Amino acid sequence: MPIEWDVLVTEMAMLGTIIYSAIFVENWVAKRKMHLKEKEDARRTIEFVANDLKKKIRFIDDSVQYKDFKPFFTDMWDAIILGGKQTVLPFELFENLQHTYSWMKYYNNELEQREKDDGEAVVMEILGEVKGSIGQSLKLLKEAKL
């Protein structure tokens, strides 16, 4: 029984094509899942930060209204940084948010250093800067949600 080389080569070529195609499709599906997960992580991170910043705006309004100056809690942003979730955000957005939270930390430092009833104008000025920075960040977050 002679070997039919043309049939054997054709079958091997078809088998190689099937195996290669299966690996290609499997790799494509895995990349697609990873991309969708990153997109969902970014959406959740943006929503998380936007909610935190909206709470900060209310906090600022209450602080100004009652002249009861307390430090900001920046633990939400610290959790994002420590969790490595900042990598799913666009760089411009991350840079802007870092700037906003830096203003909050600067306010906290000024608040620690001031004495009772001393430097209220400085604290009010910094709160205005923080509020402006938060407003700008919320605008960028809203654009990023689209």
N, C-alpha and C. Protein backbone atom coordinates (compact mmCIF):
# COMPACT_ATOMS: atom_id res chain seq x y z
N MET A 1 0.84 -1.17 0.00
CA MET A 1 0.00 0.00 0.00
C MET A 1 0.89 1.25 0.00
N PRO A 2 0.90 1.89 -1.11
CA PRO A 2 1.74 3.09 -1.21
C PRO A 2 1.13 4.28 -0.47
N ILE A 3 1.99 5.16 0.03
CA ILE A 3 1.54 6.36 0.75
C ILE A 3 1.15 7.40 -0.28
N GLU A 4 -0.03 7.95 -0.08
CA GLU A 4 -0.49 9.01 -0.98
C GLU A 4 -0.05 10.34 -0.39
N TRP A 5 1.08 10.83 -0.88
CA TRP A 5 1.70 12.02 -0.30
C TRP A 5 0.86 13.27 -0.49
N ASP A 6 0.22 13.38 -1.58
CA ASP A 6 -0.59 14.58 -1.80
C ASP A 6 -1.75 14.66 -0.82
N VAL A 7 -2.38 13.55 -0.51
CA VAL A 7 -3.49 13.52 0.47
C VAL A 7 -2.94 13.79 1.87
N LEU A 8 -1.82 13.19 2.19
CA LEU A 8 -1.20 13.37 3.50
C LEU A 8 -0.79 14.83 3.73
N VAL A 9 -0.17 15.45 2.75
CA VAL A 9 0.24 16.85 2.86
C VAL A 9 -0.98 17.75 3.00
N THR A 10 -2.01 17.48 2.24
CA THR A 10 -3.24 18.28 2.31
C THR A 10 -3.87 18.15 3.69
N GLU A 11 -3.97 16.94 4.20
CA GLU A 11 -4.56 16.73 5.53
C GLU A 11 -3.74 17.41 6.62
N MET A 12 -2.42 17.33 6.54
CA MET A 12 -1.55 17.97 7.54
C MET A 12 -1.67 19.50 7.46
N ALA A 13 -1.76 20.03 6.27
CA ALA A 13 -1.92 21.47 6.10
C ALA A 13 -3.26 21.93 6.70
N MET A 14 -4.29 21.16 6.45
CA MET A 14 -5.61 21.49 7.02
C MET A 14 -5.58 21.39 8.54
N LEU A 15 -4.96 20.37 9.06
CA LEU A 15 -4.85 20.21 10.52
C LEU A 15 -4.06 21.37 11.13
N GLY A 16 -2.95 21.76 10.49
CA GLY A 16 -2.16 22.89 10.97
C GLY A 16 -2.97 24.19 10.95
N THR A 17 -3.75 24.39 9.90
CA THR A 17 -4.59 25.58 9.80
C THR A 17 -5.65 25.60 10.89
N ILE A 18 -6.25 24.47 11.17
CA ILE A 18 -7.28 24.37 12.21
C ILE A 18 -6.67 24.67 13.58
N ILE A 19 -5.52 24.08 13.86
CA ILE A 19 -4.86 24.32 15.15
C ILE A 19 -4.46 25.78 15.29
N TYR A 20 -3.86 26.35 14.25
CA TYR A 20 -3.45 27.76 14.30
C TYR A 20 -4.67 28.66 14.49
N SER A 21 -5.74 28.40 13.78
CA SER A 21 -6.96 29.20 13.90
C SER A 21 -7.56 29.11 15.29
N ALA A 22 -7.55 27.92 15.88
CA ALA A 22 -8.09 27.74 17.23
C ALA A 22 -7.28 28.55 18.24
N ILE A 23 -5.96 28.51 18.11
CA ILE A 23 -5.10 29.27 19.02
C ILE A 23 -5.31 30.77 18.82
N PHE A 24 -5.43 31.20 17.56
CA PHE A 24 -5.65 32.61 17.26
C PHE A 24 -6.97 33.10 17.86
N VAL A 25 -8.03 32.36 17.69
CA VAL A 25 -9.34 32.75 18.22
C VAL A 25 -9.31 32.76 19.74
N GLU A 26 -8.68 31.77 20.35
CA GLU A 26 -8.58 31.72 21.81
C GLU A 26 -7.82 32.94 22.34
N ASN A 27 -6.72 33.30 21.69
CA ASN A 27 -5.93 34.46 22.07
C ASN A 27 -6.74 35.75 21.90
N TRP A 28 -7.47 35.86 20.81
CA TRP A 28 -8.31 37.05 20.55
C TRP A 28 -9.40 37.19 21.60
N VAL A 29 -10.04 36.09 21.96
CA VAL A 29 -11.09 36.13 22.99
C VAL A 29 -10.50 36.54 24.34
N ALA A 30 -9.33 36.04 24.69
CA ALA A 30 -8.70 36.40 25.96
C ALA A 30 -8.36 37.89 25.99
N LYS A 31 -7.81 38.42 24.88
CA LYS A 31 -7.50 39.84 24.81
C LYS A 31 -8.76 40.68 24.91
N ARG A 32 -9.81 40.26 24.27
CA ARG A 32 -11.09 40.99 24.30
C ARG A 32 -11.65 41.02 25.71
N LYS A 33 -11.60 39.90 26.42
CA LYS A 33 -12.07 39.86 27.81
C LYS A 33 -11.26 40.81 28.69
N MET A 34 -9.94 40.82 28.49
CA MET A 34 -9.07 41.69 29.27
C MET A 34 -9.38 43.16 28.98
N HIS A 35 -9.61 43.47 27.72
CA HIS A 35 -9.94 44.85 27.33
C HIS A 35 -11.27 45.28 27.96
N LEU A 36 -12.26 44.41 27.92
CA LEU A 36 -13.56 44.74 28.51
C LEU A 36 -13.45 44.91 30.03
N LYS A 37 -12.62 44.09 30.66
CA LYS A 37 -12.43 44.22 32.11
C LYS A 37 -11.75 45.54 32.44
N GLU A 38 -10.73 45.92 31.67
CA GLU A 38 -10.05 47.20 31.90
C GLU A 38 -11.02 48.36 31.71
N LYS A 39 -11.87 48.27 30.70
CA LYS A 39 -12.86 49.32 30.45
C LYS A 39 -13.84 49.43 31.62
N GLU A 40 -14.27 48.31 32.14
CA GLU A 40 -15.18 48.30 33.29
C GLU A 40 -14.49 48.84 34.54
N ASP A 41 -13.23 48.47 34.73
CA ASP A 41 -12.46 48.99 35.87
C ASP A 41 -12.33 50.51 35.78
N ALA A 42 -12.07 51.01 34.57
CA ALA A 42 -11.95 52.45 34.38
C ALA A 42 -13.27 53.14 34.69
N ARG A 43 -14.37 52.58 34.21
CA ARG A 43 -15.69 53.16 34.46
C ARG A 43 -15.98 53.20 35.96
N ARG A 44 -15.70 52.13 36.64
CA ARG A 44 -15.95 52.08 38.09
C ARG A 44 -15.04 53.04 38.85
N THR A 45 -13.79 53.13 38.44
CA THR A 45 -12.85 54.04 39.10
C THR A 45 -13.29 55.48 38.90
N ILE A 46 -13.71 55.82 37.69
CA ILE A 46 -14.18 57.17 37.41
C ILE A 46 -15.42 57.49 38.24
N GLU A 47 -16.33 56.56 38.32
CA GLU A 47 -17.55 56.75 39.12
C GLU A 47 -17.20 56.91 40.61
N PHE A 48 -16.29 56.11 41.07
CA PHE A 48 -15.84 56.14 42.47
C PHE A 48 -15.23 57.50 42.82
N VAL A 49 -14.34 57.98 41.96
CA VAL A 49 -13.68 59.25 42.20
C VAL A 49 -14.67 60.40 42.08
N ALA A 50 -15.56 60.34 41.10
CA ALA A 50 -16.56 61.41 40.92
C ALA A 50 -17.45 61.52 42.16
N ASN A 51 -17.89 60.40 42.71
CA ASN A 51 -18.70 60.42 43.92
C ASN A 51 -17.93 61.01 45.09
N ASP A 52 -16.66 60.64 45.20
CA ASP A 52 -15.82 61.17 46.28
C ASP A 52 -15.66 62.68 46.15
N LEU A 53 -15.43 63.16 44.93
CA LEU A 53 -15.24 64.60 44.74
C LEU A 53 -16.53 65.38 44.97
N LYS A 54 -17.67 64.79 44.62
CA LYS A 54 -18.96 65.47 44.90
C LYS A 54 -19.16 65.61 46.40
N LYS A 55 -18.76 64.60 47.15
CA LYS A 55 -18.85 64.68 48.61
C LYS A 55 -17.91 65.76 49.14
N LYS A 56 -16.75 65.90 48.51
CA LYS A 56 -15.79 66.93 48.93
C LYS A 56 -16.37 68.33 48.70
N ILE A 57 -17.10 68.53 47.61
CA ILE A 57 -17.74 69.83 47.35
C ILE A 57 -18.73 70.16 48.45
N ARG A 58 -19.55 69.19 48.84
CA ARG A 58 -20.50 69.42 49.95
C ARG A 58 -19.75 69.72 51.24
N PHE A 59 -18.64 69.01 51.45
CA PHE A 59 -17.82 69.22 52.64
C PHE A 59 -17.27 70.65 52.67
N ILE A 60 -16.80 71.12 51.52
CA ILE A 60 -16.28 72.49 51.43
C ILE A 60 -17.38 73.50 51.71
N ASP A 61 -18.55 73.30 51.11
CA ASP A 61 -19.67 74.22 51.32
C ASP A 61 -20.05 74.28 52.80
N ASP A 62 -20.09 73.13 53.45
CA ASP A 62 -20.41 73.11 54.89
C ASP A 62 -19.32 73.79 55.70
N SER A 63 -18.07 73.56 55.35
CA SER A 63 -16.95 74.18 56.07
C SER A 63 -17.02 75.70 55.97
N VAL A 64 -17.30 76.21 54.78
CA VAL A 64 -17.38 77.66 54.60
C VAL A 64 -18.59 78.23 55.32
N GLN A 65 -19.72 77.54 55.22
CA GLN A 65 -20.95 78.04 55.83
C GLN A 65 -20.83 78.12 57.35
N TYR A 66 -20.30 77.08 57.96
CA TYR A 66 -20.24 77.03 59.43
C TYR A 66 -18.87 77.46 59.97
N LYS A 67 -17.95 77.79 59.08
CA LYS A 67 -16.59 78.17 59.47
C LYS A 67 -15.96 77.12 60.40
N ASP A 68 -16.24 75.89 60.08
CA ASP A 68 -15.73 74.75 60.84
C ASP A 68 -14.76 74.00 59.93
N PHE A 69 -13.50 74.37 60.00
CA PHE A 69 -12.50 73.85 59.07
C PHE A 69 -11.90 72.56 59.60
N LYS A 70 -12.13 71.49 58.84
CA LYS A 70 -11.61 70.17 59.19
C LYS A 70 -10.81 69.65 58.01
N PRO A 71 -9.91 68.72 58.28
CA PRO A 71 -9.09 68.20 57.17
C PRO A 71 -9.90 67.29 56.23
N PHE A 72 -9.43 67.24 54.99
CA PHE A 72 -10.00 66.33 54.00
C PHE A 72 -9.48 64.93 54.27
N PHE A 73 -10.31 63.95 53.98
CA PHE A 73 -9.84 62.57 54.00
C PHE A 73 -9.54 62.21 52.55
N THR A 74 -8.31 61.88 52.28
CA THR A 74 -7.91 61.52 50.92
C THR A 74 -7.66 60.02 50.80
N ASP A 75 -8.23 59.26 51.70
CA ASP A 75 -8.00 57.83 51.70
C ASP A 75 -8.58 57.13 50.47
N MET A 76 -9.61 57.71 49.86
CA MET A 76 -10.19 57.09 48.66
C MET A 76 -9.16 57.12 47.51
N TRP A 77 -8.53 58.28 47.33
CA TRP A 77 -7.52 58.40 46.28
C TRP A 77 -6.31 57.54 46.61
N ASP A 78 -5.92 57.53 47.87
CA ASP A 78 -4.79 56.69 48.28
C ASP A 78 -5.08 55.22 47.98
N ALA A 79 -6.33 54.79 48.18
CA ALA A 79 -6.70 53.40 47.89
C ALA A 79 -6.57 53.10 46.40
N ILE A 80 -6.94 54.06 45.56
CA ILE A 80 -6.82 53.86 44.11
C ILE A 80 -5.35 53.74 43.73
N ILE A 81 -4.52 54.61 44.29
CA ILE A 81 -3.09 54.57 43.98
C ILE A 81 -2.46 53.27 44.48
N LEU A 82 -2.75 52.91 45.72
CA LEU A 82 -2.17 51.68 46.29
C LEU A 82 -2.68 50.43 45.57
N GLY A 83 -3.92 50.49 45.09
CA GLY A 83 -4.49 49.36 44.37
C GLY A 83 -4.01 49.28 42.92
N GLY A 84 -3.32 50.32 42.46
CA GLY A 84 -2.81 50.32 41.09
C GLY A 84 -3.88 50.59 40.04
N LYS A 85 -5.04 51.08 40.46
CA LYS A 85 -6.14 51.31 39.51
C LYS A 85 -5.96 52.58 38.70
N GLN A 86 -4.98 53.42 39.04
CA GLN A 86 -4.78 54.65 38.29
C GLN A 86 -4.31 54.35 36.87
N THR A 87 -3.81 53.15 36.63
CA THR A 87 -3.31 52.81 35.31
C THR A 87 -4.42 52.66 34.28
N VAL A 88 -5.66 52.46 34.71
CA VAL A 88 -6.77 52.32 33.77
C VAL A 88 -7.32 53.68 33.35
N LEU A 89 -6.87 54.75 34.01
CA LEU A 89 -7.34 56.10 33.68
C LEU A 89 -6.46 56.72 32.60
N PRO A 90 -7.05 57.55 31.75
CA PRO A 90 -6.22 58.30 30.80
C PRO A 90 -5.22 59.17 31.57
N PHE A 91 -4.05 59.37 31.00
CA PHE A 91 -2.99 60.07 31.72
C PHE A 91 -3.39 61.49 32.10
N GLU A 92 -4.04 62.22 31.20
CA GLU A 92 -4.45 63.60 31.49
C GLU A 92 -5.39 63.65 32.68
N LEU A 93 -6.32 62.69 32.74
CA LEU A 93 -7.27 62.63 33.85
C LEU A 93 -6.54 62.29 35.15
N PHE A 94 -5.64 61.33 35.09
CA PHE A 94 -4.88 60.96 36.28
C PHE A 94 -4.07 62.14 36.79
N GLU A 95 -3.43 62.87 35.87
CA GLU A 95 -2.61 64.02 36.25
C GLU A 95 -3.47 65.09 36.92
N ASN A 96 -4.67 65.32 36.36
CA ASN A 96 -5.57 66.33 36.92
C ASN A 96 -6.06 65.91 38.30
N LEU A 97 -6.40 64.65 38.46
CA LEU A 97 -6.87 64.17 39.77
C LEU A 97 -5.75 64.23 40.80
N GLN A 98 -4.55 63.91 40.38
CA GLN A 98 -3.41 64.00 41.30
C GLN A 98 -3.23 65.44 41.77
N HIS A 99 -3.40 66.38 40.86
CA HIS A 99 -3.30 67.81 41.19
C HIS A 99 -4.39 68.20 42.20
N THR A 100 -5.59 67.73 41.96
CA THR A 100 -6.72 68.06 42.86
C THR A 100 -6.48 67.51 44.27
N TYR A 101 -6.07 66.26 44.35
CA TYR A 101 -5.85 65.68 45.68
C TYR A 101 -4.61 66.28 46.35
N SER A 102 -3.67 66.75 45.56
CA SER A 102 -2.52 67.45 46.15
C SER A 102 -2.97 68.75 46.80
N TRP A 103 -3.91 69.44 46.16
CA TRP A 103 -4.46 70.66 46.77
C TRP A 103 -5.12 70.34 48.12
N MET A 104 -5.81 69.21 48.16
CA MET A 104 -6.46 68.81 49.42
C MET A 104 -5.42 68.55 50.51
N LYS A 105 -4.35 67.90 50.14
CA LYS A 105 -3.29 67.62 51.12
C LYS A 105 -2.59 68.90 51.55
N TYR A 106 -2.45 69.84 50.63
CA TYR A 106 -1.86 71.14 50.97
C TYR A 106 -2.76 71.87 51.96
N TYR A 107 -4.07 71.82 51.72
CA TYR A 107 -5.03 72.42 52.65
C TYR A 107 -4.90 71.78 54.03
N ASN A 108 -4.79 70.46 54.06
CA ASN A 108 -4.63 69.76 55.34
C ASN A 108 -3.38 70.23 56.08
N ASN A 109 -2.27 70.40 55.35
CA ASN A 109 -1.03 70.89 55.97
C ASN A 109 -1.21 72.30 56.51
N GLU A 110 -1.83 73.18 55.75
CA GLU A 110 -2.06 74.55 56.20
C GLU A 110 -2.96 74.57 57.43
N LEU A 111 -3.94 73.69 57.42
CA LEU A 111 -4.87 73.61 58.55
C LEU A 111 -4.15 73.16 59.82
N GLU A 112 -3.23 72.22 59.68
CA GLU A 112 -2.44 71.76 60.83
C GLU A 112 -1.53 72.86 61.37
N GLN A 113 -0.98 73.65 60.47
CA GLN A 113 0.00 74.65 60.88
C GLN A 113 -0.62 75.93 61.43
N ARG A 114 -1.83 76.20 61.08
CA ARG A 114 -2.43 77.46 61.55
C ARG A 114 -2.85 77.31 63.01
N GLU A 115 -2.86 78.44 63.69
CA GLU A 115 -3.31 78.45 65.08
C GLU A 115 -4.80 78.80 65.11
N LYS A 116 -5.43 78.57 66.22
CA LYS A 116 -6.86 78.86 66.37
C LYS A 116 -7.14 80.31 66.00
N ASP A 117 -8.18 80.55 65.23
CA ASP A 117 -8.64 81.87 64.81
C ASP A 117 -7.55 82.67 64.10
N ASP A 118 -6.54 82.04 63.61
CA ASP A 118 -5.47 82.73 62.91
C ASP A 118 -5.36 82.16 61.50
N GLY A 119 -5.34 82.99 60.51
CA GLY A 119 -5.16 82.54 59.13
C GLY A 119 -6.42 82.02 58.49
N GLU A 120 -7.58 82.48 58.95
CA GLU A 120 -8.84 82.01 58.36
C GLU A 120 -8.93 82.42 56.89
N ALA A 121 -8.43 83.59 56.58
CA ALA A 121 -8.47 84.05 55.19
C ALA A 121 -7.63 83.14 54.29
N VAL A 122 -6.50 82.71 54.79
CA VAL A 122 -5.64 81.81 54.01
C VAL A 122 -6.35 80.48 53.77
N VAL A 123 -6.97 79.97 54.81
CA VAL A 123 -7.68 78.69 54.69
C VAL A 123 -8.84 78.83 53.71
N MET A 124 -9.57 79.95 53.78
CA MET A 124 -10.69 80.18 52.87
C MET A 124 -10.19 80.27 51.41
N GLU A 125 -9.05 80.91 51.22
CA GLU A 125 -8.48 81.03 49.88
C GLU A 125 -8.10 79.66 49.34
N ILE A 126 -7.47 78.87 50.18
CA ILE A 126 -7.07 77.52 49.75
C ILE A 126 -8.30 76.67 49.46
N LEU A 127 -9.35 76.81 50.28
CA LEU A 127 -10.59 76.07 50.03
C LEU A 127 -11.18 76.46 48.68
N GLY A 128 -11.08 77.74 48.34
CA GLY A 128 -11.55 78.18 47.02
C GLY A 128 -10.76 77.52 45.90
N GLU A 129 -9.45 77.44 46.08
CA GLU A 129 -8.61 76.77 45.07
C GLU A 129 -8.95 75.29 44.96
N VAL A 130 -9.17 74.66 46.12
CA VAL A 130 -9.52 73.23 46.12
C VAL A 130 -10.85 73.04 45.40
N LYS A 131 -11.82 73.90 45.69
CA LYS A 131 -13.13 73.77 45.07
C LYS A 131 -13.03 73.96 43.56
N GLY A 132 -12.23 74.93 43.11
CA GLY A 132 -12.03 75.13 41.68
C GLY A 132 -11.37 73.92 41.03
N SER A 133 -10.40 73.37 41.69
CA SER A 133 -9.70 72.20 41.18
C SER A 133 -10.64 70.99 41.11
N ILE A 134 -11.48 70.85 42.12
CA ILE A 134 -12.46 69.75 42.11
C ILE A 134 -13.44 69.94 40.97
N GLY A 135 -13.90 71.17 40.76
CA GLY A 135 -14.83 71.43 39.66
C GLY A 135 -14.22 71.06 38.32
N GLN A 136 -12.96 71.40 38.12
CA GLN A 136 -12.28 71.06 36.88
C GLN A 136 -12.14 69.54 36.73
N SER A 137 -11.84 68.88 37.84
CA SER A 137 -11.71 67.42 37.79
C SER A 137 -13.05 66.76 37.49
N LEU A 138 -14.12 67.26 38.10
CA LEU A 138 -15.45 66.69 37.83
C LEU A 138 -15.83 66.87 36.36
N LYS A 139 -15.44 68.00 35.79
CA LYS A 139 -15.72 68.24 34.36
C LYS A 139 -14.98 67.21 33.51
N LEU A 140 -13.71 66.97 33.82
CA LEU A 140 -12.94 65.98 33.07
C LEU A 140 -13.48 64.56 33.28
N LEU A 141 -13.93 64.27 34.51
CA LEU A 141 -14.51 62.95 34.78
C LEU A 141 -15.79 62.74 33.98
N LYS A 142 -16.58 63.80 33.88
CA LYS A 142 -17.83 63.70 33.12
C LYS A 142 -17.53 63.43 31.65
N GLU A 143 -16.50 64.11 31.12
CA GLU A 143 -16.10 63.87 29.72
C GLU A 143 -15.56 62.46 29.55
N ALA A 144 -14.86 61.96 30.55
CA ALA A 144 -14.27 60.62 30.45
C ALA A 144 -15.33 59.53 30.49
N LYS A 145 -16.47 59.81 31.12
CA LYS A 145 -17.54 58.81 31.18
C LYS A 145 -18.16 58.56 29.82
N LEU A 146 -18.11 59.56 28.94
CA LEU A 146 -18.76 59.44 27.63
C LEU A 146 -18.14 58.42 26.77
